[in-house]
């Protein structure tokens, strides 16, 4: 069984498994990696792929199974921005804030999305439709400002286009 399974539509099937099934899969991952030096980050990545996010229940489980203090596991989770302790939205919006995108209006896009979605960067809408993040660079500087929704890149975005773009989702 692969670490991150997807349905025919490419979406994570993590909501289709019970918590017990997910924890059993995480236990398998831990068993494979627990004796390797420096494997905590790898285990956390795989666990987040399985569970969808890393709530305290999962962090405690990992700490116990890896024989590590909970403070160490939680410290790593909270230090790295890749890890999330809240359930993700169905779609992830990322606004590029690299130099070219920032200079060409990235900050205004972030501000307008915060208004439209009624959330801040790093949060998920109440209906769990969107998770909103910033990216340091998406490598499309010539198309700046850029934002992505899931794997779709939107180029030369301006605040007036945002509601039209979001309506597709």
C-alpha atoms as a PDB file:
ATOM      1  CA  UNK A   1       0.000   0.000   0.000  1.00  0.00           C
ATOM      2  CA  UNK A   2       1.459   3.398  -0.930  1.00  0.00           C
ATOM      3  CA  UNK A   3       1.972   6.051   1.702  1.00  0.00           C
ATOM      4  CA  UNK A   4      -0.390   8.517   0.038  1.00  0.00           C
ATOM      5  CA  UNK A   5      -3.234   6.995  -1.842  1.00  0.00           C
ATOM      6  CA  UNK A   6      -5.442   8.892  -4.209  1.00  0.00           C
ATOM      7  CA  UNK A   7      -8.819   8.271  -5.721  1.00  0.00           C
ATOM      8  CA  UNK A   8      -9.469   8.248  -9.464  1.00  0.00           C
ATOM      9  CA  UNK A   9      -9.904  12.028  -9.229  1.00  0.00           C
ATOM     10  CA  UNK A  10      -6.432  12.604  -7.744  1.00  0.00           C
ATOM     11  CA  UNK A  11      -7.781  13.626  -4.334  1.00  0.00           C
ATOM     12  CA  UNK A  12      -6.437  12.193  -1.079  1.00  0.00           C
ATOM     13  CA  UNK A  13      -8.601   9.377   0.223  1.00  0.00           C
ATOM     14  CA  UNK A  14      -7.556  10.066   3.811  1.00  0.00           C
ATOM     15  CA  UNK A  15     -11.187  10.862   4.751  1.00  0.00           C
ATOM     16  CA  UNK A  16     -12.313   7.404   3.576  1.00  0.00           C
ATOM     17  CA  UNK A  17     -10.308   5.506   6.222  1.00  0.00           C
ATOM     18  CA  UNK A  18     -11.094   5.253   9.919  1.00  0.00           C
ATOM     19  CA  UNK A  19      -8.753   6.837  12.455  1.00  0.00           C
ATOM     20  CA  UNK A  20      -7.693   3.353  13.539  1.00  0.00           C
ATOM     21  CA  UNK A  21      -6.792   2.389   9.958  1.00  0.00           C
ATOM     22  CA  UNK A  22      -4.756   5.568   9.540  1.00  0.00           C
ATOM     23  CA  UNK A  23      -2.931   5.007  12.828  1.00  0.00           C
ATOM     24  CA  UNK A  24      -2.173   1.415  11.794  1.00  0.00           C
ATOM     25  CA  UNK A  25      -0.611   2.708   8.566  1.00  0.00           C
ATOM     26  CA  UNK A  26       1.393   5.290  10.523  1.00  0.00           C
ATOM     27  CA  UNK A  27       2.583   2.501  12.849  1.00  0.00           C
ATOM     28  CA  UNK A  28       3.851   0.600   9.782  1.00  0.00           C
ATOM     29  CA  UNK A  29       5.776   3.679   8.637  1.00  0.00           C
ATOM     30  CA  UNK A  30       7.265   4.158  12.097  1.00  0.00           C
ATOM     31  CA  UNK A  31       8.301   0.516  12.237  1.00  0.00           C
ATOM     32  CA  UNK A  32      10.236   0.945   8.980  1.00  0.00           C
ATOM     33  CA  UNK A  33      11.973   4.196   9.966  1.00  0.00           C
ATOM     34  CA  UNK A  34      12.191   4.379  13.772  1.00  0.00           C
ATOM     35  CA  UNK A  35      15.714   2.984  14.003  1.00  0.00           C
ATOM     36  CA  UNK A  36      17.148   5.299  11.361  1.00  0.00           C
ATOM     37  CA  UNK A  37      18.942   8.369  12.674  1.00  0.00           C
ATOM     38  CA  UNK A  38      17.115  11.599  11.860  1.00  0.00           C
ATOM     39  CA  UNK A  39      13.964   9.888  10.569  1.00  0.00           C
ATOM     40  CA  UNK A  40      11.425  11.948  12.530  1.00  0.00           C
ATOM     41  CA  UNK A  41      10.822  14.471   9.752  1.00  0.00           C
ATOM     42  CA  UNK A  42      10.323  11.683   7.210  1.00  0.00           C
ATOM     43  CA  UNK A  43       7.866   9.917   9.536  1.00  0.00           C
ATOM     44  CA  UNK A  44       5.988  13.184  10.074  1.00  0.00           C
ATOM     45  CA  UNK A  45       5.761  13.829   6.313  1.00  0.00           C
ATOM     46  CA  UNK A  46       4.413  10.351   5.671  1.00  0.00           C
ATOM     47  CA  UNK A  47       2.046  10.585   8.626  1.00  0.00           C
ATOM     48  CA  UNK A  48       0.647  13.880   7.382  1.00  0.00           C
ATOM     49  CA  UNK A  49       0.105  12.307   3.965  1.00  0.00           C
ATOM     50  CA  UNK A  50      -1.794   9.449   5.599  1.00  0.00           C
ATOM     51  CA  UNK A  51      -3.788  11.453   8.130  1.00  0.00           C
ATOM     52  CA  UNK A  52      -4.145  14.711   6.180  1.00  0.00           C
ATOM     53  CA  UNK A  53      -2.719  16.801   9.038  1.00  0.00           C
ATOM     54  CA  UNK A  54      -0.954  16.256  12.383  1.00  0.00           C
ATOM     55  CA  UNK A  55      -3.347  16.757  15.303  1.00  0.00           C
ATOM     56  CA  UNK A  56      -2.073  16.265  18.856  1.00  0.00           C
ATOM     57  CA  UNK A  57      -3.494  12.711  18.895  1.00  0.00           C
ATOM     58  CA  UNK A  58      -1.219  11.752  15.980  1.00  0.00           C
ATOM     59  CA  UNK A  59       1.777  13.572  17.445  1.00  0.00           C
ATOM     60  CA  UNK A  60       1.352  11.663  20.739  1.00  0.00           C
ATOM     61  CA  UNK A  61       1.054   8.387  18.830  1.00  0.00           C
ATOM     62  CA  UNK A  62       4.264   9.100  16.884  1.00  0.00           C
ATOM     63  CA  UNK A  63       6.142  10.171  20.024  1.00  0.00           C
ATOM     64  CA  UNK A  64       5.103   7.008  21.853  1.00  0.00           C
ATOM     65  CA  UNK A  65       5.894   4.630  18.976  1.00  0.00           C
ATOM     66  CA  UNK A  66       9.251   6.294  18.237  1.00  0.00           C
ATOM     67  CA  UNK A  67      10.141   6.495  21.938  1.00  0.00           C
ATOM     68  CA  UNK A  68      10.653  10.257  21.720  1.00  0.00           C
ATOM     69  CA  UNK A  69       9.421  13.041  23.989  1.00  0.00           C
ATOM     70  CA  UNK A  70       6.178  14.646  22.775  1.00  0.00           C
ATOM     71  CA  UNK A  71       7.930  18.026  23.049  1.00  0.00           C
ATOM     72  CA  UNK A  72      10.444  16.939  20.384  1.00  0.00           C
ATOM     73  CA  UNK A  73       7.732  15.760  17.969  1.00  0.00           C
ATOM     74  CA  UNK A  74       5.550  18.846  18.544  1.00  0.00           C
ATOM     75  CA  UNK A  75       8.587  21.107  18.283  1.00  0.00           C
ATOM     76  CA  UNK A  76       9.374  19.782  14.810  1.00  0.00           C
ATOM     77  CA  UNK A  77       5.709  20.007  13.729  1.00  0.00           C
ATOM     78  CA  UNK A  78       5.387  23.626  14.825  1.00  0.00           C
ATOM     79  CA  UNK A  79       8.817  24.680  13.526  1.00  0.00           C
ATOM     80  CA  UNK A  80       8.366  23.619   9.894  1.00  0.00           C
ATOM     81  CA  UNK A  81       5.660  25.419   7.935  1.00  0.00           C
ATOM     82  CA  UNK A  82       5.022  22.339   5.782  1.00  0.00           C
ATOM     83  CA  UNK A  83       3.326  20.587   8.705  1.00  0.00           C
ATOM     84  CA  UNK A  84      -0.233  21.436   9.666  1.00  0.00           C
ATOM     85  CA  UNK A  85      -2.091  20.740  12.897  1.00  0.00           C
ATOM     86  CA  UNK A  86      -5.508  21.585  11.423  1.00  0.00           C
ATOM     87  CA  UNK A  87      -7.496  19.740   8.755  1.00  0.00           C
ATOM     88  CA  UNK A  88      -6.737  20.989   5.234  1.00  0.00           C
ATOM     89  CA  UNK A  89      -9.335  22.435   2.911  1.00  0.00           C
ATOM     90  CA  UNK A  90     -10.485  20.637  -0.209  1.00  0.00           C
ATOM     91  CA  UNK A  91      -8.399  23.069  -2.300  1.00  0.00           C
ATOM     92  CA  UNK A  92      -5.115  24.768  -1.420  1.00  0.00           C
ATOM     93  CA  UNK A  93      -4.558  28.314  -2.627  1.00  0.00           C
ATOM     94  CA  UNK A  94      -0.937  29.508  -2.700  1.00  0.00           C
ATOM     95  CA  UNK A  95       0.023  33.051  -3.595  1.00  0.00           C
ATOM     96  CA  UNK A  96       3.606  33.476  -4.697  1.00  0.00           C
ATOM     97  CA  UNK A  97       5.442  36.072  -2.645  1.00  0.00           C
ATOM     98  CA  UNK A  98       8.796  35.776  -4.394  1.00  0.00           C
ATOM     99  CA  UNK A  99      10.416  39.047  -5.412  1.00  0.00           C
ATOM    100  CA  UNK A 100       8.846  39.363  -8.875  1.00  0.00           C
ATOM    101  CA  UNK A 101       5.359  38.436  -7.650  1.00  0.00           C
ATOM    102  CA  UNK A 102       5.612  40.654  -4.587  1.00  0.00           C
ATOM    103  CA  UNK A 103       6.755  43.660  -6.611  1.00  0.00           C
ATOM    104  CA  UNK A 104       3.986  43.117  -9.171  1.00  0.00           C
ATOM    105  CA  UNK A 105       1.163  42.983  -6.611  1.00  0.00           C
ATOM    106  CA  UNK A 106       1.374  39.731  -4.668  1.00  0.00           C
ATOM    107  CA  UNK A 107       0.678  41.490  -1.381  1.00  0.00           C
ATOM    108  CA  UNK A 108      -2.551  42.991  -2.751  1.00  0.00           C
ATOM    109  CA  UNK A 109      -3.662  39.535  -3.888  1.00  0.00           C
ATOM    110  CA  UNK A 110      -3.049  38.153  -0.388  1.00  0.00           C
ATOM    111  CA  UNK A 111      -4.986  41.024   1.207  1.00  0.00           C
ATOM    112  CA  UNK A 112      -7.939  40.617  -1.175  1.00  0.00           C
ATOM    113  CA  UNK A 113      -8.071  36.835  -0.686  1.00  0.00           C
ATOM    114  CA  UNK A 114      -8.095  37.350   3.084  1.00  0.00           C
ATOM    115  CA  UNK A 115     -11.146  39.601   2.600  1.00  0.00           C
ATOM    116  CA  UNK A 116     -12.957  37.281   0.194  1.00  0.00           C
ATOM    117  CA  UNK A 117     -12.280  34.078   2.146  1.00  0.00           C
ATOM    118  CA  UNK A 118     -12.559  35.706   5.588  1.00  0.00           C
ATOM    119  CA  UNK A 119      -9.392  33.937   6.763  1.00  0.00           C
ATOM    120  CA  UNK A 120      -5.711  34.747   7.174  1.00  0.00           C
ATOM    121  CA  UNK A 121      -2.715  33.075   5.539  1.00  0.00           C
ATOM    122  CA  UNK A 122      -2.226  29.639   7.063  1.00  0.00           C
ATOM    123  CA  UNK A 123      -5.916  29.137   7.813  1.00  0.00           C
ATOM    124  CA  UNK A 124      -8.725  27.087   6.302  1.00  0.00           C
ATOM    125  CA  UNK A 125     -12.207  28.371   5.564  1.00  0.00           C
ATOM    126  CA  UNK A 126     -14.962  27.271   7.949  1.00  0.00           C
ATOM    127  CA  UNK A 127     -16.529  25.113   5.224  1.00  0.00           C
ATOM    128  CA  UNK A 128     -13.096  23.460   4.641  1.00  0.00           C
ATOM    129  CA  UNK A 129     -13.265  24.393   0.977  1.00  0.00           C
ATOM    130  CA  UNK A 130      -9.995  26.375   0.866  1.00  0.00           C
ATOM    131  CA  UNK A 131      -6.704  26.401   2.738  1.00  0.00           C
ATOM    132  CA  UNK A 132      -4.775  29.627   2.120  1.00  0.00           C
ATOM    133  CA  UNK A 133      -0.966  29.727   2.036  1.00  0.00           C
ATOM    134  CA  UNK A 134       1.863  31.774   0.603  1.00  0.00           C
ATOM    135  CA  UNK A 135       4.785  30.367  -1.343  1.00  0.00           C
ATOM    136  CA  UNK A 136       8.244  31.889  -1.431  1.00  0.00           C
ATOM    137  CA  UNK A 137       8.564  31.228  -5.165  1.00  0.00           C
ATOM    138  CA  UNK A 138       6.758  29.009  -7.671  1.00  0.00           C
ATOM    139  CA  UNK A 139       9.319  29.500 -10.433  1.00  0.00           C
ATOM    140  CA  UNK A 140       7.071  31.428 -12.806  1.00  0.00           C
ATOM    141  CA  UNK A 141       8.546  34.907 -12.395  1.00  0.00           C
ATOM    142  CA  UNK A 142       7.798  35.925 -15.987  1.00  0.00           C
ATOM    143  CA  UNK A 143       4.090  35.359 -15.297  1.00  0.00           C
ATOM    144  CA  UNK A 144       4.010  37.391 -12.071  1.00  0.00           C
ATOM    145  CA  UNK A 145       2.020  37.791  -9.994  1.00  0.00           C
ATOM    146  CA  UNK A 146       1.145  34.114  -9.772  1.00  0.00           C
ATOM    147  CA  UNK A 147      -1.091  32.019  -7.564  1.00  0.00           C
ATOM    148  CA  UNK A 148      -1.906  28.336  -7.625  1.00  0.00           C
ATOM    149  CA  UNK A 149      -5.007  26.447  -6.631  1.00  0.00           C
ATOM    150  CA  UNK A 150      -4.023  22.844  -6.152  1.00  0.00           C
ATOM    151  CA  UNK A 151      -1.873  22.149  -9.243  1.00  0.00           C
ATOM    152  CA  UNK A 152      -3.341  24.870 -11.478  1.00  0.00           C
ATOM    153  CA  UNK A 153      -1.197  27.982 -12.010  1.00  0.00           C
ATOM    154  CA  UNK A 154      -2.940  31.337 -12.507  1.00  0.00           C
ATOM    155  CA  UNK A 155      -0.746  33.968 -14.131  1.00  0.00           C
ATOM    156  CA  UNK A 156      -0.820  37.755 -14.003  1.00  0.00           C
ATOM    157  CA  UNK A 157      -3.456  37.679 -11.309  1.00  0.00           C
ATOM    158  CA  UNK A 158      -4.935  40.892 -10.048  1.00  0.00           C
ATOM    159  CA  UNK A 159      -7.346  41.404  -7.142  1.00  0.00           C
ATOM    160  CA  UNK A 160     -10.266  42.015  -9.531  1.00  0.00           C
ATOM    161  CA  UNK A 161      -9.878  38.506 -11.073  1.00  0.00           C
ATOM    162  CA  UNK A 162      -9.949  36.614  -7.780  1.00  0.00           C
ATOM    163  CA  UNK A 163     -13.689  36.116  -7.321  1.00  0.00           C
ATOM    164  CA  UNK A 164     -14.006  34.854 -10.909  1.00  0.00           C
ATOM    165  CA  UNK A 165     -11.140  32.409 -10.354  1.00  0.00           C
ATOM    166  CA  UNK A 166     -12.566  31.160  -7.040  1.00  0.00           C
ATOM    167  CA  UNK A 167     -16.014  30.678  -8.567  1.00  0.00           C
ATOM    168  CA  UNK A 168     -14.566  27.754 -10.579  1.00  0.00           C
ATOM    169  CA  UNK A 169     -14.104  25.878  -7.303  1.00  0.00           C
END
